[in-house]
Amino acid sequence: MSAVLTEDLIYEILSAVEEIPEGAVASYGQIARLIGREKNARLVGKALSMSEYYGEYPCHRVVNHAGRLAPHFKEQKERLLEEHVEFRDENHVDMKKCRWEC
């Protein structure tokens, strides 16, 4: 499969992100696997960076595989804390406790 970011693919990614329950997080790779594009985690990140143009989605619930927050998403940590997501340090979600089991 080609790694071209189309509107259909963006909506497919955002639909998967919309399923992440409050208080849980998923990794970019996990979302990529869910939509059948397991090698396109970076594409997921790119789509999420443009999500504001497509509506309201819980993109704050997506972190990297190690639980690291997105570096330019200032509100991410605050929003996760409001949902009682646990952190293992200042910039990393505790993936053992908070990973979405889908």
PDB file of N, CA and C in Angstrom:
ATOM      1  N   MET A   1       0.829  -1.192   0.000  1.00  0.00           N
ATOM      2  CA  MET A   1       0.000   0.000   0.000  1.00  0.00           C
ATOM      3  C   MET A   1       0.870   1.251   0.000  1.00  0.00           C
ATOM      4  N   SER A   2       0.414   2.208  -0.714  1.00  0.00           N
ATOM      5  CA  SER A   2       1.114   3.475  -0.800  1.00  0.00           C
ATOM      6  C   SER A   2       0.879   4.302   0.469  1.00  0.00           C
ATOM      7  N   ALA A   3       1.836   5.116   0.824  1.00  0.00           N
ATOM      8  CA  ALA A   3       1.730   5.958   2.014  1.00  0.00           C
ATOM      9  C   ALA A   3       1.272   7.361   1.641  1.00  0.00           C
ATOM     10  N   VAL A   4       0.217   7.456   0.846  1.00  0.00           N
ATOM     11  CA  VAL A   4      -0.321   8.738   0.421  1.00  0.00           C
ATOM     12  C   VAL A   4      -1.472   9.105   1.360  1.00  0.00           C
ATOM     13  N   LEU A   5      -1.458  10.307   1.857  1.00  0.00           N
ATOM     14  CA  LEU A   5      -2.474  10.757   2.806  1.00  0.00           C
ATOM     15  C   LEU A   5      -3.645  11.385   2.048  1.00  0.00           C
ATOM     16  N   THR A   6      -4.704  10.623   1.888  1.00  0.00           N
ATOM     17  CA  THR A   6      -5.911  11.100   1.218  1.00  0.00           C
ATOM     18  C   THR A   6      -6.956  11.462   2.269  1.00  0.00           C
ATOM     19  N   GLU A   7      -7.996  12.144   1.864  1.00  0.00           N
ATOM     20  CA  GLU A   7      -9.078  12.483   2.802  1.00  0.00           C
ATOM     21  C   GLU A   7      -9.731  11.218   3.339  1.00  0.00           C
ATOM     22  N   ASP A   8      -9.914  10.214   2.498  1.00  0.00           N
ATOM     23  CA  ASP A   8     -10.505   8.957   2.971  1.00  0.00           C
ATOM     24  C   ASP A   8      -9.640   8.331   4.053  1.00  0.00           C
ATOM     25  N   LEU A   9      -8.336   8.346   3.868  1.00  0.00           N
ATOM     26  CA  LEU A   9      -7.427   7.780   4.861  1.00  0.00           C
ATOM     27  C   LEU A   9      -7.442   8.602   6.147  1.00  0.00           C
ATOM     28  N   ILE A  10      -7.495   9.904   6.023  1.00  0.00           N
ATOM     29  CA  ILE A  10      -7.575  10.762   7.215  1.00  0.00           C
ATOM     30  C   ILE A  10      -8.819  10.418   8.021  1.00  0.00           C
ATOM     31  N   TYR A  11      -9.961  10.281   7.349  1.00  0.00           N
ATOM     32  CA  TYR A  11     -11.193   9.941   8.063  1.00  0.00           C
ATOM     33  C   TYR A  11     -11.131   8.533   8.650  1.00  0.00           C
ATOM     34  N   GLU A  12     -10.458   7.623   7.997  1.00  0.00           N
ATOM     35  CA  GLU A  12     -10.293   6.268   8.533  1.00  0.00           C
ATOM     36  C   GLU A  12      -9.460   6.308   9.825  1.00  0.00           C
ATOM     37  N   ILE A  13      -8.392   7.082   9.807  1.00  0.00           N
ATOM     38  CA  ILE A  13      -7.547   7.248  10.991  1.00  0.00           C
ATOM     39  C   ILE A  13      -8.337   7.906  12.119  1.00  0.00           C
ATOM     40  N   LEU A  14      -9.033   8.982  11.799  1.00  0.00           N
ATOM     41  CA  LEU A  14      -9.792   9.698  12.820  1.00  0.00           C
ATOM     42  C   LEU A  14     -10.924   8.850  13.385  1.00  0.00           C
ATOM     43  N   SER A  15     -11.512   7.995  12.574  1.00  0.00           N
ATOM     44  CA  SER A  15     -12.557   7.089  13.058  1.00  0.00           C
ATOM     45  C   SER A  15     -11.991   6.106  14.072  1.00  0.00           C
ATOM     46  N   ALA A  16     -10.778   5.622  13.829  1.00  0.00           N
ATOM     47  CA  ALA A  16     -10.134   4.710  14.781  1.00  0.00           C
ATOM     48  C   ALA A  16      -9.804   5.448  16.073  1.00  0.00           C
ATOM     49  N   VAL A  17      -9.306   6.661  15.960  1.00  0.00           N
ATOM     50  CA  VAL A  17      -8.954   7.463  17.135  1.00  0.00           C
ATOM     51  C   VAL A  17     -10.205   7.754  17.965  1.00  0.00           C
ATOM     52  N   GLU A  18     -11.306   7.971  17.303  1.00  0.00           N
ATOM     53  CA  GLU A  18     -12.566   8.269  17.979  1.00  0.00           C
ATOM     54  C   GLU A  18     -13.026   7.124  18.894  1.00  0.00           C
ATOM     55  N   GLU A  19     -12.537   5.921  18.639  1.00  0.00           N
ATOM     56  CA  GLU A  19     -12.918   4.748  19.434  1.00  0.00           C
ATOM     57  C   GLU A  19     -12.132   4.610  20.732  1.00  0.00           C
ATOM     58  N   ILE A  20     -11.029   5.334  20.874  1.00  0.00           N
ATOM     59  CA  ILE A  20     -10.212   5.231  22.092  1.00  0.00           C
ATOM     60  C   ILE A  20     -11.040   5.759  23.254  1.00  0.00           C
ATOM     61  N   PRO A  21     -11.259   4.932  24.275  1.00  0.00           N
ATOM     62  CA  PRO A  21     -12.093   5.389  25.391  1.00  0.00           C
ATOM     63  C   PRO A  21     -11.384   6.411  26.281  1.00  0.00           C
ATOM     64  N   GLU A  22     -12.162   7.210  26.961  1.00  0.00           N
ATOM     65  CA  GLU A  22     -11.631   8.173  27.915  1.00  0.00           C
ATOM     66  C   GLU A  22     -10.820   7.426  28.969  1.00  0.00           C
ATOM     67  N   GLY A  23      -9.657   7.981  29.316  1.00  0.00           N
ATOM     68  CA  GLY A  23      -8.793   7.368  30.311  1.00  0.00           C
ATOM     69  C   GLY A  23      -7.811   6.363  29.754  1.00  0.00           C
ATOM     70  N   ALA A  24      -7.825   6.182  28.438  1.00  0.00           N
ATOM     71  CA  ALA A  24      -6.907   5.254  27.782  1.00  0.00           C
ATOM     72  C   ALA A  24      -6.149   5.992  26.684  1.00  0.00           C
ATOM     73  N   VAL A  25      -5.023   5.411  26.267  1.00  0.00           N
ATOM     74  CA  VAL A  25      -4.247   5.967  25.160  1.00  0.00           C
ATOM     75  C   VAL A  25      -3.888   4.848  24.189  1.00  0.00           C
ATOM     76  N   ALA A  26      -3.592   5.240  22.971  1.00  0.00           N
ATOM     77  CA  ALA A  26      -3.119   4.313  21.941  1.00  0.00           C
ATOM     78  C   ALA A  26      -1.869   4.914  21.324  1.00  0.00           C
ATOM     79  N   SER A  27      -1.068   4.066  20.713  1.00  0.00           N
ATOM     80  CA  SER A  27       0.129   4.561  20.025  1.00  0.00           C
ATOM     81  C   SER A  27      -0.200   4.803  18.553  1.00  0.00           C
ATOM     82  N   TYR A  28       0.650   5.585  17.906  1.00  0.00           N
ATOM     83  CA  TYR A  28       0.477   5.834  16.473  1.00  0.00           C
ATOM     84  C   TYR A  28       0.506   4.503  15.716  1.00  0.00           C
ATOM     85  N   GLY A  29       1.426   3.617  16.107  1.00  0.00           N
ATOM     86  CA  GLY A  29       1.532   2.307  15.464  1.00  0.00           C
ATOM     87  C   GLY A  29       0.298   1.453  15.674  1.00  0.00           C
ATOM     88  N   GLN A  30      -0.281   1.546  16.840  1.00  0.00           N
ATOM     89  CA  GLN A  30      -1.500   0.793  17.142  1.00  0.00           C
ATOM     90  C   GLN A  30      -2.636   1.245  16.228  1.00  0.00           C
ATOM     91  N   ILE A  31      -2.773   2.532  16.032  1.00  0.00           N
ATOM     92  CA  ILE A  31      -3.808   3.056  15.129  1.00  0.00           C
ATOM     93  C   ILE A  31      -3.519   2.604  13.701  1.00  0.00           C
ATOM     94  N   ALA A  32      -2.257   2.661  13.291  1.00  0.00           N
ATOM     95  CA  ALA A  32      -1.882   2.219  11.947  1.00  0.00           C
ATOM     96  C   ALA A  32      -2.251   0.748  11.735  1.00  0.00           C
ATOM     97  N   ARG A  33      -1.975  -0.100  12.717  1.00  0.00           N
ATOM     98  CA  ARG A  33      -2.342  -1.527  12.618  1.00  0.00           C
ATOM     99  C   ARG A  33      -3.851  -1.706  12.525  1.00  0.00           C
ATOM    100  N   LEU A  34      -4.594  -0.929  13.295  1.00  0.00           N
ATOM    101  CA  LEU A  34      -6.057  -1.038  13.287  1.00  0.00           C
ATOM    102  C   LEU A  34      -6.659  -0.769  11.911  1.00  0.00           C
ATOM    103  N   ILE A  35      -6.032   0.111  11.162  1.00  0.00           N
ATOM    104  CA  ILE A  35      -6.572   0.436   9.841  1.00  0.00           C
ATOM    105  C   ILE A  35      -5.879  -0.347   8.722  1.00  0.00           C
ATOM    106  N   GLY A  36      -5.066  -1.327   9.097  1.00  0.00           N
ATOM    107  CA  GLY A  36      -4.420  -2.174   8.099  1.00  0.00           C
ATOM    108  C   GLY A  36      -3.192  -1.584   7.438  1.00  0.00           C
ATOM    109  N   ARG A  37      -2.546  -0.633   8.087  1.00  0.00           N
ATOM    110  CA  ARG A  37      -1.343   0.016   7.543  1.00  0.00           C
ATOM    111  C   ARG A  37      -0.244   0.022   8.590  1.00  0.00           C
ATOM    112  N   GLU A  38       0.139  -1.162   9.037  1.00  0.00           N
ATOM    113  CA  GLU A  38       1.018  -1.283  10.184  1.00  0.00           C
ATOM    114  C   GLU A  38       2.363  -0.580  10.058  1.00  0.00           C
ATOM    115  N   LYS A  39       2.807  -0.279   8.866  1.00  0.00           N
ATOM    116  CA  LYS A  39       4.097   0.394   8.683  1.00  0.00           C
ATOM    117  C   LYS A  39       3.947   1.909   8.502  1.00  0.00           C
ATOM    118  N   ASN A  40       2.772   2.425   8.772  1.00  0.00           N
ATOM    119  CA  ASN A  40       2.516   3.840   8.516  1.00  0.00           C
ATOM    120  C   ASN A  40       2.180   4.653   9.766  1.00  0.00           C
ATOM    121  N   ALA A  41       2.891   4.399  10.860  1.00  0.00           N
ATOM    122  CA  ALA A  41       2.656   5.143  12.102  1.00  0.00           C
ATOM    123  C   ALA A  41       2.896   6.643  11.910  1.00  0.00           C
ATOM    124  N   ARG A  42       3.894   6.998  11.133  1.00  0.00           N
ATOM    125  CA  ARG A  42       4.171   8.426  10.899  1.00  0.00           C
ATOM    126  C   ARG A  42       3.045   9.087  10.115  1.00  0.00           C
ATOM    127  N   LEU A  43       2.436   8.330   9.230  1.00  0.00           N
ATOM    128  CA  LEU A  43       1.297   8.842   8.471  1.00  0.00           C
ATOM    129  C   LEU A  43       0.135   9.143   9.418  1.00  0.00           C
ATOM    130  N   VAL A  44      -0.046   8.294  10.405  1.00  0.00           N
ATOM    131  CA  VAL A  44      -1.076   8.528  11.428  1.00  0.00           C
ATOM    132  C   VAL A  44      -0.783   9.853  12.135  1.00  0.00           C
ATOM    133  N   GLY A  45       0.459  10.057  12.532  1.00  0.00           N
ATOM    134  CA  GLY A  45       0.845  11.306  13.177  1.00  0.00           C
ATOM    135  C   GLY A  45       0.571  12.518  12.307  1.00  0.00           C
ATOM    136  N   LYS A  46       0.864  12.402  11.037  1.00  0.00           N
ATOM    137  CA  LYS A  46       0.617  13.505  10.094  1.00  0.00           C
ATOM    138  C   LYS A  46      -0.871  13.811  10.011  1.00  0.00           C
ATOM    139  N   ALA A  47      -1.686  12.768   9.910  1.00  0.00           N
ATOM    140  CA  ALA A  47      -3.132  12.965   9.838  1.00  0.00           C
ATOM    141  C   ALA A  47      -3.657  13.629  11.111  1.00  0.00           C
ATOM    142  N   LEU A  48      -3.151  13.204  12.264  1.00  0.00           N
ATOM    143  CA  LEU A  48      -3.616  13.776  13.526  1.00  0.00           C
ATOM    144  C   LEU A  48      -3.212  15.239  13.653  1.00  0.00           C
ATOM    145  N   SER A  49      -2.090  15.601  13.070  1.00  0.00           N
ATOM    146  CA  SER A  49      -1.660  17.001  13.133  1.00  0.00           C
ATOM    147  C   SER A  49      -2.586  17.910  12.328  1.00  0.00           C
ATOM    148  N   MET A  50      -3.390  17.323  11.454  1.00  0.00           N
ATOM    149  CA  MET A  50      -4.326  18.090  10.623  1.00  0.00           C
ATOM    150  C   MET A  50      -5.772  17.899  11.058  1.00  0.00           C
ATOM    151  N   SER A  51      -5.990  17.205  12.161  1.00  0.00           N
ATOM    152  CA  SER A  51      -7.349  16.824  12.566  1.00  0.00           C
ATOM    153  C   SER A  51      -8.269  18.008  12.824  1.00  0.00           C
ATOM    154  N   GLU A  52      -7.730  19.132  13.231  1.00  0.00           N
ATOM    155  CA  GLU A  52      -8.563  20.301  13.538  1.00  0.00           C
ATOM    156  C   GLU A  52      -9.404  20.738  12.336  1.00  0.00           C
ATOM    157  N   TYR A  53      -8.977  20.385  11.134  1.00  0.00           N
ATOM    158  CA  TYR A  53      -9.718  20.753   9.926  1.00  0.00           C
ATOM    159  C   TYR A  53     -10.875  19.793   9.637  1.00  0.00           C
ATOM    160  N   TYR A  54     -10.978  18.720  10.411  1.00  0.00           N
ATOM    161  CA  TYR A  54     -11.962  17.670  10.144  1.00  0.00           C
ATOM    162  C   TYR A  54     -12.976  17.493  11.269  1.00  0.00           C
ATOM    163  N   GLY A  55     -12.879  18.279  12.316  1.00  0.00           N
ATOM    164  CA  GLY A  55     -13.826  18.180  13.420  1.00  0.00           C
ATOM    165  C   GLY A  55     -13.134  17.911  14.738  1.00  0.00           C
ATOM    166  N   GLU A  56     -13.930  17.541  15.728  1.00  0.00           N
ATOM    167  CA  GLU A  56     -13.437  17.289  17.082  1.00  0.00           C
ATOM    168  C   GLU A  56     -13.151  15.800  17.266  1.00  0.00           C
ATOM    169  N   TYR A  57     -11.919  15.459  17.522  1.00  0.00           N
ATOM    170  CA  TYR A  57     -11.510  14.066  17.748  1.00  0.00           C
ATOM    171  C   TYR A  57     -10.577  14.027  18.960  1.00  0.00           C
ATOM    172  N   PRO A  58     -10.558  12.924  19.697  1.00  0.00           N
ATOM    173  CA  PRO A  58      -9.701  12.835  20.886  1.00  0.00           C
ATOM    174  C   PRO A  58      -8.250  12.490  20.552  1.00  0.00           C
ATOM    175  N   CYS A  59      -7.631  13.306  19.726  1.00  0.00           N
ATOM    176  CA  CYS A  59      -6.254  13.059  19.285  1.00  0.00           C
ATOM    177  C   CYS A  59      -5.264  13.132  20.447  1.00  0.00           C
ATOM    178  N   HIS A  60      -5.657  13.763  21.543  1.00  0.00           N
ATOM    179  CA  HIS A  60      -4.775  13.845  22.713  1.00  0.00           C
ATOM    180  C   HIS A  60      -4.536  12.460  23.310  1.00  0.00           C
ATOM    181  N   ARG A  61      -5.342  11.472  22.932  1.00  0.00           N
ATOM    182  CA  ARG A  61      -5.202  10.115  23.452  1.00  0.00           C
ATOM    183  C   ARG A  61      -4.221   9.264  22.654  1.00  0.00           C
ATOM    184  N   VAL A  62      -3.508   9.870  21.718  1.00  0.00           N
ATOM    185  CA  VAL A  62      -2.534   9.129  20.910  1.00  0.00           C
ATOM    186  C   VAL A  62      -1.132   9.630  21.258  1.00  0.00           C
ATOM    187  N   VAL A  63      -0.256   8.683  21.594  1.00  0.00           N
ATOM    188  CA  VAL A  63       1.127   8.973  21.994  1.00  0.00           C
ATOM    189  C   VAL A  63       2.050   8.039  21.215  1.00  0.00           C
ATOM    190  N   ASN A  64       3.349   8.201  21.368  1.00  0.00           N
ATOM    191  CA  ASN A  64       4.239   7.283  20.668  1.00  0.00           C
ATOM    192  C   ASN A  64       4.296   5.946  21.416  1.00  0.00           C
ATOM    193  N   HIS A  65       4.988   4.974  20.861  1.00  0.00           N
ATOM    194  CA  HIS A  65       5.001   3.614  21.421  1.00  0.00           C
ATOM    195  C   HIS A  65       5.521   3.546  22.856  1.00  0.00           C
ATOM    196  N   ALA A  66       6.346   4.498  23.240  1.00  0.00           N
ATOM    197  CA  ALA A  66       6.902   4.534  24.589  1.00  0.00           C
ATOM    198  C   ALA A  66       6.057   5.380  25.544  1.00  0.00           C
ATOM    199  N   GLY A  67       4.963   5.946  25.031  1.00  0.00           N
ATOM    200  CA  GLY A  67       4.095   6.771  25.861  1.00  0.00           C
ATOM    201  C   GLY A  67       4.445   8.239  25.867  1.00  0.00           C
ATOM    202  N   ARG A  68       5.428   8.633  25.039  1.00  0.00           N
ATOM    203  CA  ARG A  68       5.863  10.040  25.013  1.00  0.00           C
ATOM    204  C   ARG A  68       4.795  10.928  24.384  1.00  0.00           C
ATOM    205  N   LEU A  69       4.584  12.063  24.996  1.00  0.00           N
ATOM    206  CA  LEU A  69       3.630  13.039  24.488  1.00  0.00           C
ATOM    207  C   LEU A  69       4.153  13.691  23.214  1.00  0.00           C
ATOM    208  N   ALA A  70       3.233  14.211  22.418  1.00  0.00           N
ATOM    209  CA  ALA A  70       3.609  14.937  21.202  1.00  0.00           C
ATOM    210  C   ALA A  70       4.284  16.243  21.606  1.00  0.00           C
ATOM    211  N   PRO A  71       5.473  16.531  21.071  1.00  0.00           N
ATOM    212  CA  PRO A  71       6.248  17.690  21.526  1.00  0.00           C
ATOM    213  C   PRO A  71       5.588  19.052  21.313  1.00  0.00           C
ATOM    214  N   HIS A  72       4.750  19.200  20.315  1.00  0.00           N
ATOM    215  CA  HIS A  72       4.167  20.514  20.021  1.00  0.00           C
ATOM    216  C   HIS A  72       2.694  20.606  20.408  1.00  0.00           C
ATOM    217  N   PHE A  73       2.211  19.657  21.176  1.00  0.00           N
ATOM    218  CA  PHE A  73       0.804  19.615  21.581  1.00  0.00           C
ATOM    219  C   PHE A  73       0.733  20.009  23.060  1.00  0.00           C
ATOM    220  N   LYS A  74       0.703  21.308  23.302  1.00  0.00           N
ATOM    221  CA  LYS A  74       0.817  21.857  24.652  1.00  0.00           C
ATOM    222  C   LYS A  74      -0.288  21.383  25.594  1.00  0.00           C
ATOM    223  N   GLU A  75      -1.512  21.213  25.103  1.00  0.00           N
ATOM    224  CA  GLU A  75      -2.645  20.846  25.958  1.00  0.00           C
ATOM    225  C   GLU A  75      -2.775  19.348  26.190  1.00  0.00           C
ATOM    226  N   GLN A  76      -1.968  18.535  25.526  1.00  0.00           N
ATOM    227  CA  GLN A  76      -2.134  17.087  25.584  1.00  0.00           C
ATOM    228  C   GLN A  76      -2.061  16.545  27.014  1.00  0.00           C
ATOM    229  N   LYS A  77      -1.045  16.921  27.747  1.00  0.00           N
ATOM    230  CA  LYS A  77      -0.875  16.384  29.094  1.00  0.00           C
ATOM    231  C   LYS A  77      -2.040  16.798  29.997  1.00  0.00           C
ATOM    232  N   GLU A  78      -2.418  18.044  29.928  1.00  0.00           N
ATOM    233  CA  GLU A  78      -3.522  18.545  30.746  1.00  0.00           C
ATOM    234  C   GLU A  78      -4.811  17.774  30.459  1.00  0.00           C
ATOM    235  N   ARG A  79      -5.089  17.550  29.192  1.00  0.00           N
ATOM    236  CA  ARG A  79      -6.310  16.826  28.819  1.00  0.00           C
ATOM    237  C   ARG A  79      -6.263  15.374  29.282  1.00  0.00           C
ATOM    238  N   LEU A  80      -5.095  14.741  29.198  1.00  0.00           N
ATOM    239  CA  LEU A  80      -4.962  13.362  29.675  1.00  0.00           C
ATOM    240  C   LEU A  80      -5.100  13.284  31.194  1.00  0.00           C
ATOM    241  N   LEU A  81      -4.520  14.236  31.890  1.00  0.00           N
ATOM    242  CA  LEU A  81      -4.652  14.261  33.355  1.00  0.00           C
ATOM    243  C   LEU A  81      -6.110  14.437  33.766  1.00  0.00           C
ATOM    244  N   GLU A  82      -6.857  15.241  33.028  1.00  0.00           N
ATOM    245  CA  GLU A  82      -8.288  15.419  33.310  1.00  0.00           C
ATOM    246  C   GLU A  82      -9.051  14.103  33.178  1.00  0.00           C
ATOM    247  N   GLU A  83      -8.537  13.193  32.339  1.00  0.00           N
ATOM    248  CA  GLU A  83      -9.165  11.887  32.137  1.00  0.00           C
ATOM    249  C   GLU A  83      -8.566  10.824  33.065  1.00  0.00           C
ATOM    250  N   HIS A  84      -7.710  11.248  33.984  1.00  0.00           N
ATOM    251  CA  HIS A  84      -7.079  10.359  34.972  1.00  0.00           C
ATOM    252  C   HIS A  84      -6.119   9.350  34.352  1.00  0.00           C
ATOM    253  N   VAL A  85      -5.492   9.733  33.246  1.00  0.00           N
ATOM    254  CA  VAL A  85      -4.445   8.907  32.647  1.00  0.00           C
ATOM    255  C   VAL A  85      -3.213   9.040  33.528  1.00  0.00           C
ATOM    256  N   GLU A  86      -2.567   7.914  33.831  1.00  0.00           N
ATOM    257  CA  GLU A  86      -1.391   7.924  34.704  1.00  0.00           C
ATOM    258  C   GLU A  86      -0.110   8.120  33.892  1.00  0.00           C
ATOM    259  N   PHE A  87       0.822   8.848  34.497  1.00  0.00           N
ATOM    260  CA  PHE A  87       2.112   9.120  33.872  1.00  0.00           C
ATOM    261  C   PHE A  87       3.203   8.420  34.661  1.00  0.00           C
ATOM    262  N   ARG A  88       4.253   7.982  33.941  1.00  0.00           N
ATOM    263  CA  ARG A  88       5.396   7.381  34.634  1.00  0.00           C
ATOM    264  C   ARG A  88       6.497   8.403  34.883  1.00  0.00           C
ATOM    265  N   ASP A  89       6.467   9.505  34.144  1.00  0.00           N
ATOM    266  CA  ASP A  89       7.335  10.653  34.405  1.00  0.00           C
ATOM    267  C   ASP A  89       6.693  11.874  33.759  1.00  0.00           C
ATOM    268  N   GLU A  90       7.414  12.963  33.719  1.00  0.00           N
ATOM    269  CA  GLU A  90       6.861  14.242  33.246  1.00  0.00           C
ATOM    270  C   GLU A  90       6.267  14.196  31.834  1.00  0.00           C
ATOM    271  N   ASN A  91       6.874  13.425  30.935  1.00  0.00           N
ATOM    272  CA  ASN A  91       6.456  13.448  29.527  1.00  0.00           C
ATOM    273  C   ASN A  91       6.025  12.102  28.964  1.00  0.00           C
ATOM    274  N   HIS A  92       5.836  11.098  29.825  1.00  0.00           N
ATOM    275  CA  HIS A  92       5.489   9.758  29.337  1.00  0.00           C
ATOM    276  C   HIS A  92       4.295   9.182  30.086  1.00  0.00           C
ATOM    277  N   VAL A  93       3.309   8.766  29.317  1.00  0.00           N
ATOM    278  CA  VAL A  93       2.151   8.065  29.866  1.00  0.00           C
ATOM    279  C   VAL A  93       2.598   6.671  30.302  1.00  0.00           C
ATOM    280  N   ASP A  94       1.998   6.150  31.344  1.00  0.00           N
ATOM    281  CA  ASP A  94       2.279   4.779  31.781  1.00  0.00           C
ATOM    282  C   ASP A  94       1.502   3.833  30.860  1.00  0.00           C
ATOM    283  N   MET A  95       2.178   3.341  29.835  1.00  0.00           N
ATOM    284  CA  MET A  95       1.531   2.506  28.817  1.00  0.00           C
ATOM    285  C   MET A  95       1.064   1.168  29.392  1.00  0.00           C
ATOM    286  N   LYS A  96       1.728   0.666  30.411  1.00  0.00           N
ATOM    287  CA  LYS A  96       1.311  -0.604  31.013  1.00  0.00           C
ATOM    288  C   LYS A  96      -0.064  -0.473  31.653  1.00  0.00           C
ATOM    289  N   LYS A  97      -0.358   0.680  32.199  1.00  0.00           N
ATOM    290  CA  LYS A  97      -1.627   0.893  32.881  1.00  0.00           C
ATOM    291  C   LYS A  97      -2.710   1.495  32.004  1.00  0.00           C
ATOM    292  N   CYS A  98      -2.315   2.249  30.981  1.00  0.00           N
ATOM    293  CA  CYS A  98      -3.294   3.049  30.253  1.00  0.00           C
ATOM    294  C   CYS A  98      -3.467   2.710  28.776  1.00  0.00           C
ATOM    295  N   ARG A  99      -2.718   1.721  28.276  1.00  0.00           N
ATOM    296  CA  ARG A  99      -2.841   1.380  26.847  1.00  0.00           C
ATOM    297  C   ARG A  99      -4.233   0.831  26.559  1.00  0.00           C
ATOM    298  N   TRP A 100      -4.808   1.326  25.489  1.00  0.00           N
ATOM    299  CA  TRP A 100      -6.112   0.858  25.038  1.00  0.00           C
ATOM    300  C   TRP A 100      -5.966  -0.562  24.519  1.00  0.00           C
ATOM    301  N   GLU A 101      -6.727  -1.472  25.074  1.00  0.00           N
ATOM    302  CA  GLU A 101      -6.727  -2.869  24.632  1.00  0.00           C
ATOM    303  C   GLU A 101      -7.866  -3.054  23.638  1.00  0.00           C
ATOM    304  N   CYS A 102      -7.550  -2.901  22.366  1.00  0.00           N
ATOM    305  CA  CYS A 102      -8.581  -3.006  21.339  1.00  0.00           C
ATOM    306  C   CYS A 102      -8.500  -4.314  20.593  1.00  0.00           C
TER     307      CYS A 102
END
